[in-house]
C-alpha atoms as a PDB file:
ATOM      1  CA  MET A   1     127.553  71.403 108.771  1.00  0.00           C
ATOM      2  CA  PRO A   2     128.409  73.266 111.961  1.00  0.00           C
ATOM      3  CA  LYS A   3     129.537  76.866 111.585  1.00  0.00           C
ATOM      4  CA  VAL A   4     132.531  78.199 113.470  1.00  0.00           C
ATOM      5  CA  THR A   5     133.498  81.858 113.692  1.00  0.00           C
ATOM      6  CA  PHE A   6     137.165  82.510 114.466  1.00  0.00           C
ATOM      7  CA  ASP A   7     137.299  86.178 115.437  1.00  0.00           C
ATOM      8  CA  ASN A   8     135.431  87.574 112.396  1.00  0.00           C
ATOM      9  CA  LYS A   9     135.933  84.717 109.916  1.00  0.00           C
ATOM     10  CA  GLU A  10     133.020  82.281 109.631  1.00  0.00           C
ATOM     11  CA  VAL A  11     133.789  78.811 108.294  1.00  0.00           C
ATOM     12  CA  GLU A  12     132.031  75.485 107.950  1.00  0.00           C
ATOM     13  CA  ALA A  13     133.460  72.568 109.890  1.00  0.00           C
ATOM     14  CA  ALA A  14     132.887  68.863 109.643  1.00  0.00           C
ATOM     15  CA  ASP A  15     130.958  67.359 112.546  1.00  0.00           C
ATOM     16  CA  GLY A  16     133.450  65.475 114.692  1.00  0.00           C
ATOM     17  CA  SER A  17     136.475  67.511 113.646  1.00  0.00           C
ATOM     18  CA  THR A  18     138.471  69.557 116.116  1.00  0.00           C
ATOM     19  CA  LEU A  19     138.473  73.335 116.137  1.00  0.00           C
ATOM     20  CA  LEU A  20     142.164  73.211 115.215  1.00  0.00           C
ATOM     21  CA  ASP A  21     141.333  71.124 112.139  1.00  0.00           C
ATOM     22  CA  ALA A  22     138.559  73.569 111.217  1.00  0.00           C
ATOM     23  CA  ALA A  23     141.013  76.464 111.524  1.00  0.00           C
ATOM     24  CA  LEU A  24     143.730  74.776 109.470  1.00  0.00           C
ATOM     25  CA  ASP A  25     141.265  73.610 106.784  1.00  0.00           C
ATOM     26  CA  ASN A  26     140.093  77.206 106.333  1.00  0.00           C
ATOM     27  CA  ASP A  27     143.362  79.162 106.473  1.00  0.00           C
ATOM     28  CA  VAL A  28     142.733  80.596 109.940  1.00  0.00           C
ATOM     29  CA  ASP A  29     146.011  81.637 111.578  1.00  0.00           C
ATOM     30  CA  LEU A  30     146.094  79.615 114.805  1.00  0.00           C
ATOM     31  CA  ASP A  31     149.347  78.545 116.428  1.00  0.00           C
ATOM     32  CA  HIS A  32     149.750  74.820 117.105  1.00  0.00           C
ATOM     33  CA  ASN A  33     153.369  74.124 117.998  1.00  0.00           C
ATOM     34  CA  CYS A  34     152.856  70.512 119.130  1.00  0.00           C
ATOM     35  CA  GLY A  35     150.817  69.543 116.075  1.00  0.00           C
ATOM     36  CA  GLY A  36     147.575  69.020 117.982  1.00  0.00           C
ATOM     37  CA  ASN A  37     148.818  66.529 120.559  1.00  0.00           C
ATOM     38  CA  CYS A  38     147.832  68.395 123.751  1.00  0.00           C
ATOM     39  CA  ALA A  39     151.518  68.860 124.570  1.00  0.00           C
ATOM     40  CA  CYS A  40     151.549  72.685 124.623  1.00  0.00           C
ATOM     41  CA  SER A  41     149.066  75.513 124.992  1.00  0.00           C
ATOM     42  CA  THR A  42     149.750  77.469 121.795  1.00  0.00           C
ATOM     43  CA  CYS A  43     146.303  76.702 120.319  1.00  0.00           C
ATOM     44  CA  HIS A  44     144.591  78.315 123.322  1.00  0.00           C
ATOM     45  CA  ILE A  45     141.260  79.875 122.320  1.00  0.00           C
ATOM     46  CA  ILE A  46     138.332  81.431 124.145  1.00  0.00           C
ATOM     47  CA  ILE A  47     134.841  80.113 123.442  1.00  0.00           C
ATOM     48  CA  GLU A  48     132.428  83.058 123.285  1.00  0.00           C
ATOM     49  CA  GLU A  49     129.339  81.088 122.204  1.00  0.00           C
ATOM     50  CA  GLY A  50     128.424  77.468 121.542  1.00  0.00           C
ATOM     51  CA  MET A  51     130.223  75.597 124.339  1.00  0.00           C
ATOM     52  CA  ASP A  52     127.390  73.044 124.244  1.00  0.00           C
ATOM     53  CA  ASN A  53     128.423  72.143 120.666  1.00  0.00           C
ATOM     54  CA  LEU A  54     131.872  70.974 121.797  1.00  0.00           C
ATOM     55  CA  SER A  55     133.247  67.903 123.531  1.00  0.00           C
ATOM     56  CA  GLU A  56     133.855  68.127 127.259  1.00  0.00           C
ATOM     57  CA  MET A  57     137.260  69.102 128.559  1.00  0.00           C
ATOM     58  CA  THR A  58     139.533  66.243 129.544  1.00  0.00           C
ATOM     59  CA  GLU A  59     141.854  66.261 132.527  1.00  0.00           C
ATOM     60  CA  ASP A  60     144.877  66.399 130.193  1.00  0.00           C
ATOM     61  CA  GLU A  61     143.489  69.493 128.474  1.00  0.00           C
ATOM     62  CA  GLU A  62     142.728  71.125 131.808  1.00  0.00           C
ATOM     63  CA  ASP A  63     146.287  70.464 133.005  1.00  0.00           C
ATOM     64  CA  MET A  64     147.813  71.854 129.809  1.00  0.00           C
ATOM     65  CA  LEU A  65     145.645  74.974 129.945  1.00  0.00           C
ATOM     66  CA  ASP A  66     147.335  75.819 133.247  1.00  0.00           C
ATOM     67  CA  THR A  67     150.378  76.817 131.156  1.00  0.00           C
ATOM     68  CA  ALA A  68     148.457  79.180 128.834  1.00  0.00           C
ATOM     69  CA  THR A  69     148.497  82.944 129.211  1.00  0.00           C
ATOM     70  CA  GLY A  70     145.327  85.030 129.275  1.00  0.00           C
ATOM     71  CA  LEU A  71     143.025  82.291 130.559  1.00  0.00           C
ATOM     72  CA  SER A  72     139.295  82.856 130.910  1.00  0.00           C
ATOM     73  CA  LEU A  73     136.485  80.709 132.268  1.00  0.00           C
ATOM     74  CA  THR A  74     135.772  79.537 128.715  1.00  0.00           C
ATOM     75  CA  SER A  75     139.357  78.865 127.612  1.00  0.00           C
ATOM     76  CA  ARG A  76     139.997  75.678 125.659  1.00  0.00           C
ATOM     77  CA  LEU A  77     142.682  74.135 123.491  1.00  0.00           C
ATOM     78  CA  ALA A  78     141.561  74.067 119.864  1.00  0.00           C
ATOM     79  CA  CYS A  79     143.280  70.728 119.293  1.00  0.00           C
ATOM     80  CA  GLN A  80     141.124  69.107 121.971  1.00  0.00           C
ATOM     81  CA  CYS A  81     137.722  70.674 121.191  1.00  0.00           C
ATOM     82  CA  GLN A  82     135.814  68.251 119.042  1.00  0.00           C
ATOM     83  CA  ILE A  83     132.706  69.655 117.381  1.00  0.00           C
ATOM     84  CA  THR A  84     129.791  67.519 118.551  1.00  0.00           C
ATOM     85  CA  GLY A  85     126.739  69.552 117.631  1.00  0.00           C
ATOM     86  CA  SER A  86     125.286  71.096 114.517  1.00  0.00           C
ATOM     87  CA  GLY A  87     124.997  74.606 115.961  1.00  0.00           C
ATOM     88  CA  THR A  88     127.388  77.498 115.813  1.00  0.00           C
ATOM     89  CA  VAL A  89     130.540  78.159 117.798  1.00  0.00           C
ATOM     90  CA  LYS A  90     132.061  81.611 118.180  1.00  0.00           C
ATOM     91  CA  ILE A  91     135.739  81.794 119.086  1.00  0.00           C
ATOM     92  CA  LYS A  92     138.169  84.510 120.077  1.00  0.00           C
ATOM     93  CA  ILE A  93     141.825  83.857 119.334  1.00  0.00           C
ATOM     94  CA  PRO A  94     143.855  85.580 122.058  1.00  0.00           C
ATOM     95  CA  PRO A  95     146.748  87.775 120.948  1.00  0.00           C
ATOM     96  CA  LYS A  96     149.967  85.875 120.362  1.00  0.00           C
ATOM     97  CA  SER A  97     152.499  86.062 123.132  1.00  0.00           C
ATOM     98  CA  ASP A  98     155.830  84.528 123.924  1.00  0.00           C
ATOM     99  CA  TYR A  99     155.288  80.877 124.839  1.00  0.00           C
END
C-alpha cells in the first residue's frame, strides 16, 4: 500500500484512492467544504515529495486552485489527487484561513 505523510502523520492509503479519502480514513484534519467535488479550494495541499505517485492535474482542478490562498508550484486539491503509484507521498497542509 502507498504511504502518505500529512504533515507529520504517516498513513497507509489504498491505491487509486484520493488524498482526501486517505486523510478522512485516517482522522487527518483536512477541510473539504464541497465534499470532494472540486467546487471549492478548501482541501488545498502542497505536495513536498512524490508528485509522480499522483494523477495529473485536470483543467478543472487548475481553475479551482486559482481561488486558493498560499499557492505554491506543487499545490493540489486533495479531492482531485488520485494515488497512482506504490511509493510515498509527503504533504504539507497549509494553515487554515478564511475562505
